[in-house]
Structure formats: C-alpha cells, structure tokens
C-alpha cells in the first residue's frame, strides 16, 4: 500500500487569512490556530506567514528579511546595504528553539531607506530601486535571499509545518491588522526555506494552493519587464504579476483580478457590449498575465486582502465575516476555529474575487464588487 510521501497529492496545501478592516491590530495566535487545523494538508516541507502593521516604529523604512547561509555572506550584504541605504536598525529576527525546525539559516532583518543620491544617479523612485535591489540579491548573490521587503509588514517562513514555523518565529508576540498563512505540500517543486510561502515583493504577499500551469508563459512575460524568477516555484510569478499590474500599470484591483482570472471567451461573448469590450481589451493587452491551472490564492497588500480562485474552481476557498473581520481559508473549520459564529459565510465562485479593503486605505479606484463581496466588506 502506498503511503504519504510516495504518491502525488495535488490538492494539498492550505491557506488562511484574517483581516480587521478598521486597521486594528491583533496578535498572531489566531492565524496560527487557524492554519494548524489544516495540518493534514501540509507535509512539513513548508509553512509561513505574512503580517501587516507589525513594525509601527519603523513604518517609513523598508523591512528587509534575509536568509543567510553563513556569516561571511551576511557581512558582504551588510556592506552592500550601507552603500545603497540608510540603515535605521539591523538585528537577528528573534526565534525560539524548536525540535521541529531543522537546519535553519541565519535569519536577519534590516530597516532601511534608499539613499537619495543613489536614487538620483539611477533615476528611479524608491519602490523601483528596492525591487531592483531585491532582484539583484536573489538572482546574483549566492547564500543570501531577501524574503520580505515591504513597509510595516513582514514575511516569516521556513521548512516545517506552519504551526511549528509560527512558534519558531514567536509570532504570538507580534500584532498586525492583516495576517495570512500557508501550509505547503510541495508537488512539483522542492521544499526549501526560500521556496516556502508567502512570496513577497514590496508590500505584496502571496500564499497559494494549487499549480500555475501557465508559469513559463507568465515568467517570460515578466522577464520582459525586469523581473527574475529564481525561487524554484510557480507561485513566485503571482507576486510579480500583482506588483507589475498594480504598481507599474496603476490598475485598480477589479481589473487586476480580471486580467489574472479572466472569464472564458465564450462567457465574454455572451456579455453586453460594454462588458465585452472591456474584457476583450483586458485579455488582449494583459494576456501574458493570465494565470491558468488549479489555484486558490490569497494576496495581502497595505490596502487590504484579496482572495481569488481559478476560473473553474479546482481548489477550495471559503470566506466569512463577523463585525470588522474578514476571514478566508481553504476549509470552513479553519475559520470556525477562530470565529465560531460568523455572521456571513460563503464559497466564492470560480474566478470571483473577495476583496477586503481597509477603511483607512485610499485606493485610486474603488473596484466594482458583487453583492456577496459588498456584504463581506461592509458588514
């Protein structure tokens, strides 16, 4: 009889997210408890979390989280940081010893701001400079990897079950207004510290259940715009697609999700003239960013949280609200573990986004939402 680890289980992986729409912070214990319920969807080869609002004392600095293979490469990176950034603080990320976590790299964080003269010389803004720096380190420097680079947020990930990763990073000691989590069951790519979810760039973080069968097409499209995919996993492209469409193209969230999970052509043909023209234009202009394959993704940003299924819903996703809180998870049990009596609970349709915006955020365009999404945000 075949046992776990000897067969391919493509429906594995678990995601969970909790957001307070008023921006009130809460501890990391709830997200750990939520993802732990889905323990059997993981296999101990990857777990991680993203948290927003956790660094209020350094909210104007970019929080770089690093994995280092050894001290020598750490010293090399620190010299590179000093050349390009003003370093407000640098320290080892606090962790606790755990028998469940093996072979951890050196894990450090630095709070930095790009030097003005460097920006002037390269003729770029802060965000573009940070993105280029992250791409350079992760693709060109062996033994160092930036796994988080946003402001007032951070990713915490590694090889292990997610609840063990949460304990390892002492996440119950942090407070944030958005938390996302992931338990990984690698199917097509290796389990390693850098390959655990979430994948981040600037303030965007992505956790994902499923497979991106369009990875090569998406990767080639992204590489035309300077992105480098080197992390040995298909999910990496989702973070970069979101960054390109939101930051570089300035698209509103409702257009971004239509570009990433556009309706099928036969569905578009049945729409009214205006909808048909808009969606045809999106598919023609941004066709290289269409994400195919079975997926359920959860994206965190400094504006809020977005959940999205593939167009025929081959991966599970369920959403719920209670008071000021929005919950999204792979299983209902993960939500009820931390919210026993939600006011509203529903299963989004294939390709239908759940978009939760912070009341304090000021997006350039308010997306058009379904009635279910309006209930989720405004209840």
Protein backbone atom coordinates (compact mmCIF):
# COMPACT_ATOMS: atom_id res chain seq x y z
CA UNK A 1 0.00 0.00 0.00
CA UNK A 2 1.34 3.44 -0.92
CA UNK A 3 1.93 5.82 1.98
CA UNK A 4 2.07 9.58 2.35
CA UNK A 5 5.14 10.92 0.55
CA UNK A 6 5.07 8.08 -2.01
CA UNK A 7 2.19 9.43 -4.03
CA UNK A 8 1.45 12.80 -5.55
CA UNK A 9 -1.32 14.72 -3.79
CA UNK A 10 -2.03 17.76 -5.98
CA UNK A 11 -4.88 19.06 -3.81
CA UNK A 12 -2.59 19.61 -0.81
CA UNK A 13 -1.56 22.95 0.70
CA UNK A 14 -3.64 25.19 2.94
CA UNK A 15 -4.17 28.94 3.10
CA UNK A 16 -5.79 31.16 5.70
CA UNK A 17 -6.18 34.89 6.18
CA UNK A 18 -7.66 37.25 8.77
CA UNK A 19 -8.12 41.00 8.35
CA UNK A 20 -9.52 43.76 10.52
CA UNK A 21 -10.98 46.29 8.10
CA UNK A 22 -10.54 49.18 10.58
CA UNK A 23 -6.83 48.50 10.80
CA UNK A 24 -6.93 47.40 14.45
CA UNK A 25 -4.05 45.12 15.30
CA UNK A 26 -4.39 41.70 16.94
CA UNK A 27 -1.92 39.01 17.90
CA UNK A 28 -0.57 36.23 15.74
CA UNK A 29 -2.08 33.45 17.86
CA UNK A 30 -5.34 33.35 15.88
CA UNK A 31 -3.71 32.82 12.50
CA UNK A 32 -1.51 30.06 13.93
CA UNK A 33 -4.56 28.31 15.39
CA UNK A 34 -6.44 28.69 12.10
CA UNK A 35 -3.76 27.17 9.88
CA UNK A 36 -2.98 24.42 12.42
CA UNK A 37 -6.48 22.96 11.92
CA UNK A 38 -5.46 22.13 8.35
CA UNK A 39 -2.32 20.26 9.45
CA UNK A 40 -3.05 17.28 7.16
CA UNK A 41 -2.98 19.50 4.06
CA UNK A 42 0.75 20.03 4.68
CA UNK A 43 3.64 17.60 4.98
CA UNK A 44 6.21 19.61 6.92
CA UNK A 45 8.16 20.85 3.90
CA UNK A 46 6.98 24.43 4.05
CA UNK A 47 4.99 26.86 6.17
CA UNK A 48 4.81 30.61 6.51
CA UNK A 49 3.00 33.80 7.42
CA UNK A 50 2.71 37.42 6.33
CA UNK A 51 1.73 40.13 8.78
CA UNK A 52 0.84 43.80 8.24
CA UNK A 53 1.16 46.60 10.79
CA UNK A 54 3.80 44.80 12.87
CA UNK A 55 6.55 47.45 12.63
CA UNK A 56 4.89 50.79 13.54
CA UNK A 57 8.15 52.14 14.97
CA UNK A 58 9.77 51.71 11.53
CA UNK A 59 6.76 52.31 9.31
CA UNK A 60 8.69 54.62 6.94
CA UNK A 61 11.52 52.15 6.38
CA UNK A 62 11.57 49.07 4.17
CA UNK A 63 11.83 45.95 6.32
CA UNK A 64 14.24 43.55 4.64
CA UNK A 65 14.04 39.99 5.96
CA UNK A 66 17.08 37.93 4.95
CA UNK A 67 18.14 34.30 4.93
CA UNK A 68 21.95 33.92 5.06
CA UNK A 69 23.85 30.69 4.56
CA UNK A 70 26.80 31.88 6.63
CA UNK A 71 28.34 34.89 8.38
CA UNK A 72 30.65 35.82 5.51
CA UNK A 73 27.76 36.43 3.11
CA UNK A 74 25.92 38.36 5.83
CA UNK A 75 28.90 40.71 6.15
CA UNK A 76 29.03 41.12 2.37
CA UNK A 77 25.35 42.02 2.22
CA UNK A 78 25.66 44.50 5.09
CA UNK A 79 28.41 46.31 3.18
CA UNK A 80 26.14 46.43 0.11
CA UNK A 81 23.26 47.75 2.21
CA UNK A 82 25.42 50.51 3.70
CA UNK A 83 26.46 51.57 0.21
CA UNK A 84 22.87 51.96 -1.02
CA UNK A 85 20.68 52.52 2.04
CA UNK A 86 20.44 54.38 5.31
CA UNK A 87 20.11 51.58 7.90
CA UNK A 88 17.85 52.57 10.80
CA UNK A 89 18.26 49.21 12.56
CA UNK A 90 19.53 45.70 11.96
CA UNK A 91 19.20 42.58 14.09
CA UNK A 92 18.67 38.85 14.08
CA UNK A 93 14.96 38.05 13.90
CA UNK A 94 14.02 36.57 17.31
CA UNK A 95 13.31 32.85 17.16
CA UNK A 96 12.89 30.13 19.77
CA UNK A 97 14.49 26.72 19.71
CA UNK A 98 12.23 24.05 18.32
CA UNK A 99 12.83 20.34 17.85
CA UNK A 100 10.54 20.50 14.81
CA UNK A 101 12.63 23.05 12.90
CA UNK A 102 15.89 21.78 11.43
CA UNK A 103 18.80 23.38 9.57
CA UNK A 104 17.58 26.96 9.86
CA UNK A 105 19.73 29.57 8.10
CA UNK A 106 20.82 32.84 9.69
CA UNK A 107 17.67 34.99 9.74
CA UNK A 108 18.10 38.77 9.98
CA UNK A 109 16.08 41.91 9.41
CA UNK A 110 17.16 45.42 8.45
CA UNK A 111 15.05 48.58 8.38
CA UNK A 112 16.36 50.72 5.55
CA UNK A 113 15.69 53.72 3.30
CA UNK A 114 17.39 54.20 -0.08
CA UNK A 115 19.99 56.97 -0.17
CA UNK A 116 18.80 59.99 -2.13
CA UNK A 117 21.99 60.27 -4.18
CA UNK A 118 21.61 56.65 -5.30
CA UNK A 119 18.05 57.28 -6.48
CA UNK A 120 19.14 60.40 -8.37
CA UNK A 121 22.00 58.54 -10.02
CA UNK A 122 19.79 55.68 -11.18
CA UNK A 123 16.83 57.96 -11.99
CA UNK A 124 14.27 55.76 -10.24
CA UNK A 125 11.85 56.14 -7.35
CA UNK A 126 12.23 54.34 -4.01
CA UNK A 127 9.99 51.39 -4.81
CA UNK A 128 11.59 50.64 -8.16
CA UNK A 129 15.05 50.83 -6.60
CA UNK A 130 14.04 48.40 -3.85
CA UNK A 131 12.56 45.97 -6.40
CA UNK A 132 15.75 46.06 -8.47
CA UNK A 133 17.85 45.53 -5.35
CA UNK A 134 15.77 42.51 -4.31
CA UNK A 135 16.03 41.01 -7.80
CA UNK A 136 19.79 41.58 -7.84
CA UNK A 137 20.43 39.93 -4.47
CA UNK A 138 18.14 36.96 -5.08
CA UNK A 139 19.41 36.20 -8.58
CA UNK A 140 23.11 37.10 -8.38
CA UNK A 141 24.38 36.60 -4.84
CA UNK A 142 24.77 33.02 -3.64
CA UNK A 143 23.93 32.36 0.00
CA UNK A 144 21.66 35.37 0.56
CA UNK A 145 17.95 35.71 -0.08
CA UNK A 146 15.59 38.61 0.67
CA UNK A 147 12.24 37.03 1.51
CA UNK A 148 10.41 40.18 2.60
CA UNK A 149 10.86 43.82 1.56
CA UNK A 150 7.75 45.87 2.42
CA UNK A 151 6.99 48.71 4.79
CA UNK A 152 5.41 47.96 8.17
CA UNK A 153 4.95 44.32 7.21
CA UNK A 154 6.94 41.13 7.17
CA UNK A 155 7.00 37.53 6.00
CA UNK A 156 8.09 34.67 8.27
CA UNK A 157 8.60 31.29 6.63
CA UNK A 158 10.66 28.12 6.54
CA UNK A 159 10.72 24.34 6.25
CA UNK A 160 8.23 22.83 8.71
CA UNK A 161 4.55 22.63 9.47
CA UNK A 162 3.05 26.13 9.65
CA UNK A 163 2.12 25.93 13.32
CA UNK A 164 5.73 25.00 14.11
CA UNK A 165 7.01 27.86 11.96
CA UNK A 166 4.69 30.25 13.86
CA UNK A 167 6.05 29.03 17.18
CA UNK A 168 9.64 29.19 15.89
CA UNK A 169 9.26 32.87 14.91
CA UNK A 170 7.36 33.71 18.14
CA UNK A 171 4.52 35.22 16.12
CA UNK A 172 2.21 35.39 19.13
CA UNK A 173 4.41 38.30 20.26
CA UNK A 174 3.56 40.38 17.15
CA UNK A 175 0.40 42.38 16.47
CA UNK A 176 -0.91 43.15 12.99
CA UNK A 177 -4.15 44.10 11.22
CA UNK A 178 -3.77 41.53 8.41
CA UNK A 179 -2.38 38.01 8.79
CA UNK A 180 -2.08 35.38 6.08
CA UNK A 181 -0.74 31.85 6.45
CA UNK A 182 0.25 28.87 4.34
CA UNK A 183 0.93 25.20 4.84
CA UNK A 184 2.81 23.65 1.94
CA UNK A 185 2.62 20.23 0.35
CA UNK A 186 5.21 20.54 -2.46
CA UNK A 187 4.18 18.62 -5.55
CA UNK A 188 6.28 19.88 -8.46
CA UNK A 189 8.98 21.96 -6.76
CA UNK A 190 11.43 21.34 -3.89
CA UNK A 191 10.72 22.14 -0.27
CA UNK A 192 13.35 24.62 0.98
CA UNK A 193 13.46 27.73 3.14
CA UNK A 194 13.29 30.18 0.26
CA UNK A 195 10.62 28.14 -1.51
CA UNK A 196 8.13 28.26 1.37
CA UNK A 197 5.17 30.64 1.09
CA UNK A 198 4.43 33.51 1.26
CA UNK A 199 6.20 35.07 -1.69
CA UNK A 200 6.55 38.80 -1.39
CA UNK A 201 7.69 41.91 -3.19
CA UNK A 202 7.42 45.30 -1.50
CA UNK A 203 4.08 45.30 0.36
CA UNK A 204 2.55 42.47 -1.69
CA UNK A 205 2.49 38.93 -0.28
CA UNK A 206 1.03 35.80 -1.88
CA UNK A 207 0.05 32.41 -0.48
CA UNK A 208 -1.23 29.82 -2.91
CA UNK A 209 -2.79 26.37 -3.06
CA UNK A 210 -2.54 24.61 -6.41
CA UNK A 211 -0.41 24.76 -9.52
CA UNK A 212 0.30 27.54 -12.02
CA UNK A 213 0.35 25.66 -15.32
CA UNK A 214 0.94 28.96 -17.15
CA UNK A 215 4.18 29.52 -15.19
CA UNK A 216 6.53 29.55 -18.18
CA UNK A 217 4.34 31.93 -20.19
CA UNK A 218 3.91 34.21 -17.17
CA UNK A 219 7.64 34.06 -16.39
CA UNK A 220 8.65 35.00 -19.94
CA UNK A 221 6.24 37.93 -19.89
CA UNK A 222 7.55 39.17 -16.54
CA UNK A 223 11.19 38.87 -17.57
CA UNK A 224 10.49 41.39 -20.33
CA UNK A 225 9.92 43.93 -17.56
CA UNK A 226 12.98 43.12 -15.44
CA UNK A 227 11.57 40.51 -13.04
CA UNK A 228 13.73 37.47 -12.35
CA UNK A 229 12.11 34.18 -11.32
CA UNK A 230 14.74 32.15 -9.48
CA UNK A 231 12.98 30.62 -6.47
CA UNK A 232 12.12 27.21 -7.97
CA UNK A 233 8.38 27.53 -7.55
CA UNK A 234 5.45 28.51 -9.73
CA UNK A 235 3.86 30.80 -7.11
CA UNK A 236 6.61 33.39 -7.42
CA UNK A 237 5.10 34.72 -10.65
CA UNK A 238 1.82 35.67 -8.93
CA UNK A 239 3.56 38.17 -6.62
CA UNK A 240 5.38 39.74 -9.56
CA UNK A 241 2.27 39.88 -11.75
CA UNK A 242 0.41 41.68 -9.00
CA UNK A 243 3.30 44.11 -8.49
CA UNK A 244 3.52 44.88 -12.20
CA UNK A 245 -0.19 45.39 -12.74
CA UNK A 246 -0.80 47.39 -9.56
CA UNK A 247 2.39 49.41 -9.07
CA UNK A 248 3.72 49.83 -12.62
CA UNK A 249 0.44 49.85 -14.56
CA UNK A 250 -1.65 51.51 -11.87
CA UNK A 251 -4.63 49.24 -12.47
CA UNK A 252 -7.49 49.05 -9.95
CA UNK A 253 -7.98 45.77 -8.14
CA UNK A 254 -11.07 44.72 -10.08
CA UNK A 255 -9.18 45.00 -13.36
CA UNK A 256 -6.16 43.15 -11.95
CA UNK A 257 -8.21 40.12 -10.93
CA UNK A 258 -9.95 40.11 -14.33
CA UNK A 259 -6.55 40.08 -16.02
CA UNK A 260 -5.29 37.22 -13.82
CA UNK A 261 -8.50 35.14 -13.91
CA UNK A 262 -10.39 36.44 -16.91
CA UNK A 263 -13.70 34.85 -17.96
CA UNK A 264 -13.51 32.36 -20.83
CA UNK A 265 -14.01 33.71 -24.35
CA UNK A 266 -17.38 32.01 -24.70
CA UNK A 267 -18.54 33.72 -21.50
CA UNK A 268 -17.31 37.10 -22.72
CA UNK A 269 -19.20 36.64 -26.00
CA UNK A 270 -22.48 36.38 -24.06
CA UNK A 271 -21.96 39.66 -22.17
CA UNK A 272 -23.41 43.05 -23.07
CA UNK A 273 -21.48 45.26 -25.48
CA UNK A 274 -19.72 47.40 -22.87
CA UNK A 275 -18.60 44.47 -20.69
CA UNK A 276 -17.49 42.57 -23.79
CA UNK A 277 -15.33 45.47 -24.99
CA UNK A 278 -13.69 45.94 -21.59
CA UNK A 279 -12.90 42.27 -21.03
CA UNK A 280 -11.69 41.74 -24.58
CA UNK A 281 -9.31 44.68 -24.13
CA UNK A 282 -8.03 43.30 -20.81
CA UNK A 283 -7.39 39.86 -22.34
CA UNK A 284 -5.65 41.30 -25.40
CA UNK A 285 -3.44 43.81 -23.55
CA UNK A 286 -2.65 41.69 -20.48
CA UNK A 287 -2.98 38.19 -21.91
CA UNK A 288 0.55 37.29 -20.80
CA UNK A 289 -0.52 37.72 -17.18
CA UNK A 290 -3.50 35.36 -17.36
CA UNK A 291 -2.94 32.69 -14.69
CA UNK A 292 -4.01 29.17 -15.68
CA UNK A 293 -4.19 25.95 -13.72
CA UNK A 294 -5.90 24.95 -10.48
CA UNK A 295 -5.31 27.64 -7.87
CA UNK A 296 -6.65 29.41 -4.83
CA UNK A 297 -4.57 32.44 -3.89
CA UNK A 298 -4.63 34.95 -1.08
CA UNK A 299 -2.89 38.27 -1.63
CA UNK A 300 -2.03 40.70 1.14
CA UNK A 301 -1.31 44.39 0.48
CA UNK A 302 -1.10 47.56 2.53
CA UNK A 303 -4.62 48.33 1.26
CA UNK A 304 -6.26 45.06 2.25
CA UNK A 305 -6.65 41.40 1.35
CA UNK A 306 -7.72 39.75 -1.92
CA UNK A 307 -8.74 36.11 -2.42
CA UNK A 308 -9.10 34.59 -5.88
CA UNK A 309 -9.91 31.12 -7.31
CA UNK A 310 -9.15 29.76 -10.74
CA UNK A 311 -11.97 30.15 -13.24
CA UNK A 312 -13.45 26.67 -12.73
CA UNK A 313 -12.70 26.48 -9.00
CA UNK A 314 -10.42 23.46 -8.86
CA UNK A 315 -9.13 24.48 -5.43
CA UNK A 316 -11.26 25.21 -2.35
CA UNK A 317 -11.81 28.62 -0.82
CA UNK A 318 -14.34 29.86 1.69
CA UNK A 319 -14.89 33.35 3.12
CA UNK A 320 -16.67 34.72 6.17
CA UNK A 321 -17.19 37.96 8.07
CA UNK A 322 -18.00 38.96 11.60
CA UNK A 323 -18.03 42.56 12.72
CA UNK A 324 -14.91 44.25 11.43
CA UNK A 325 -13.22 40.98 10.47
CA UNK A 326 -12.87 39.23 7.12
CA UNK A 327 -11.75 35.60 7.06
CA UNK A 328 -10.63 33.46 4.10
CA UNK A 329 -9.41 29.86 4.27
CA UNK A 330 -9.18 26.57 2.40
CA UNK A 331 -11.61 24.95 4.85
CA UNK A 332 -14.58 26.13 6.91
CA UNK A 333 -13.06 24.51 10.01
CA UNK A 334 -10.08 26.88 9.84
CA UNK A 335 -12.41 29.87 10.07
CA UNK A 336 -14.63 28.43 12.80
CA UNK A 337 -11.54 27.63 14.88
CA UNK A 338 -11.06 31.38 15.43
CA UNK A 339 -14.60 32.63 14.72
CA UNK A 340 -17.15 30.09 15.95
CA UNK A 341 -20.24 32.06 14.86
CA UNK A 342 -19.54 34.12 11.74
CA UNK A 343 -22.29 36.48 10.61
CA UNK A 344 -21.87 35.64 6.92
CA UNK A 345 -20.12 32.70 5.25
CA UNK A 346 -19.98 31.80 1.56
CA UNK A 347 -17.97 29.96 -1.08
CA UNK A 348 -16.83 32.32 -3.87
CA UNK A 349 -17.49 31.12 -7.40
CA UNK A 350 -14.66 30.29 -9.78
CA UNK A 351 -12.85 33.45 -10.85
CA UNK A 352 -14.88 35.57 -8.41
CA UNK A 353 -12.68 37.67 -6.12
CA UNK A 354 -13.20 38.51 -2.48
CA UNK A 355 -11.73 41.97 -1.97
CA UNK A 356 -11.44 43.39 1.53
CA UNK A 357 -10.18 46.97 1.74
CA UNK A 358 -9.08 48.75 4.88
CA UNK A 359 -11.30 51.68 5.79
CA UNK A 360 -8.13 53.72 6.24
CA UNK A 361 -6.84 52.91 2.73
CA UNK A 362 -7.39 55.31 -0.14
CA UNK A 363 -7.17 53.33 -3.37
CA UNK A 364 -7.03 55.23 -6.63
CA UNK A 365 -10.13 53.41 -7.83
CA UNK A 366 -12.85 51.61 -5.90
CA UNK A 367 -13.46 48.20 -7.54
CA UNK A 368 -16.88 47.03 -8.66
CA UNK A 369 -17.97 44.15 -6.41
CA UNK A 370 -20.63 41.51 -6.29
CA UNK A 371 -23.34 41.71 -3.63
CA UNK A 372 -21.58 38.98 -1.64
CA UNK A 373 -18.36 40.97 -1.66
CA UNK A 374 -20.20 44.10 -0.51
CA UNK A 375 -21.63 42.13 2.40
CA UNK A 376 -18.16 40.83 3.26
CA UNK A 377 -16.59 44.28 3.32
CA UNK A 378 -19.40 46.36 4.80
CA UNK A 379 -20.99 44.03 7.35
